[in-house]
Amino acid sequence: MYGYTLTSGTPANLQKGHRIRLQLASSAFPKYDRNPQTGDNLAKSTVLQKADQRIYHDKNHPSHILLPVVPEK
């Protein structure tokens, strides 16, 4: 199990009643090269293996999203 800190470079102006959806993906091709998840050479590997990511959010594995609030000027 690993801990991650994710940041977003896109600010948003949320109004009262708006909702936020968090969507995680283990791919961002072509921004980042694909990862075959096999440990083989990334440039030459032709075999792909499925990768699973889990976000735990229970009593023993708390998760949270921190959204900063910037007051209006």
Protein backbone atom coordinates (compact mmCIF):
# COMPACT_ATOMS: atom_id res chain seq x y z
CA MET A 1 0.00 0.00 0.00
CA TYR A 2 1.32 3.43 -0.96
CA GLY A 3 0.35 6.97 -0.07
CA TYR A 4 -0.07 9.57 -2.79
CA THR A 5 -0.41 13.31 -2.92
CA LEU A 6 -2.11 14.48 -6.09
CA THR A 7 -2.32 18.08 -7.20
CA SER A 8 -4.45 19.74 -9.80
CA GLY A 9 -3.16 22.53 -11.96
CA THR A 10 -6.65 23.66 -12.93
CA PRO A 11 -8.36 26.10 -10.58
CA ALA A 12 -12.13 26.17 -10.54
CA ASN A 13 -14.70 28.71 -9.48
CA LEU A 14 -17.41 26.68 -7.80
CA GLN A 15 -20.73 28.24 -6.99
CA LYS A 16 -23.14 27.16 -4.25
CA GLY A 17 -24.78 23.88 -5.25
CA HIS A 18 -22.03 22.83 -7.65
CA ARG A 19 -20.60 19.34 -7.32
CA ILE A 20 -17.11 17.93 -7.78
CA ARG A 21 -16.25 14.54 -9.21
CA LEU A 22 -12.82 13.02 -8.70
CA GLN A 23 -11.77 10.70 -11.50
CA LEU A 24 -8.54 8.72 -11.29
CA ALA A 25 -6.89 6.92 -14.18
CA SER A 26 -3.69 4.91 -14.38
CA SER A 27 -2.96 6.27 -17.83
CA ALA A 28 -2.30 9.65 -19.40
CA PHE A 29 -1.04 8.62 -22.83
CA PRO A 30 0.44 10.41 -24.78
CA LYS A 31 1.49 12.79 -21.99
CA TYR A 32 3.22 9.88 -20.28
CA ASP A 33 4.41 6.69 -21.97
CA ARG A 34 2.41 3.56 -21.34
CA ASN A 35 3.51 1.23 -18.58
CA PRO A 36 3.00 -2.45 -19.44
CA GLN A 37 3.12 -3.33 -15.69
CA THR A 38 5.46 -6.27 -16.36
CA GLY A 39 8.83 -4.87 -15.33
CA ASP A 40 10.08 -5.39 -18.89
CA ASN A 41 11.80 -2.72 -20.97
CA LEU A 42 9.18 0.02 -21.42
CA ALA A 43 10.25 0.79 -24.99
CA LYS A 44 10.31 -2.80 -26.24
CA SER A 45 7.67 -4.64 -24.25
CA THR A 46 4.76 -6.03 -26.27
CA VAL A 47 3.04 -7.84 -23.39
CA LEU A 48 0.61 -5.81 -21.29
CA GLN A 49 -0.62 -6.66 -17.80
CA LYS A 50 -3.68 -5.17 -16.11
CA ALA A 51 -2.99 -2.74 -13.27
CA ASP A 52 -5.37 -2.28 -10.34
CA GLN A 53 -5.51 0.83 -8.17
CA ARG A 54 -7.59 1.03 -5.04
CA ILE A 55 -8.51 4.04 -2.96
CA TYR A 56 -9.23 2.97 0.60
CA HIS A 57 -11.63 5.06 2.63
CA ASP A 58 -12.58 3.23 5.78
CA LYS A 59 -11.76 3.50 9.48
CA ASN A 60 -8.38 1.78 9.07
CA HIS A 61 -7.46 3.51 5.81
CA PRO A 62 -8.71 7.10 5.92
CA SER A 63 -8.60 9.15 2.72
CA HIS A 64 -9.43 12.77 2.19
CA ILE A 65 -9.59 15.53 -0.39
CA LEU A 66 -8.37 18.95 0.66
CA LEU A 67 -9.90 21.78 -1.33
CA PRO A 68 -8.48 25.23 -0.58
CA VAL A 69 -10.94 28.10 -0.44
CA VAL A 70 -9.72 31.46 -1.70
CA PRO A 71 -11.86 34.38 -0.51
CA GLU A 72 -13.26 36.75 -3.11
CA LYS A 73 -11.46 40.07 -3.47
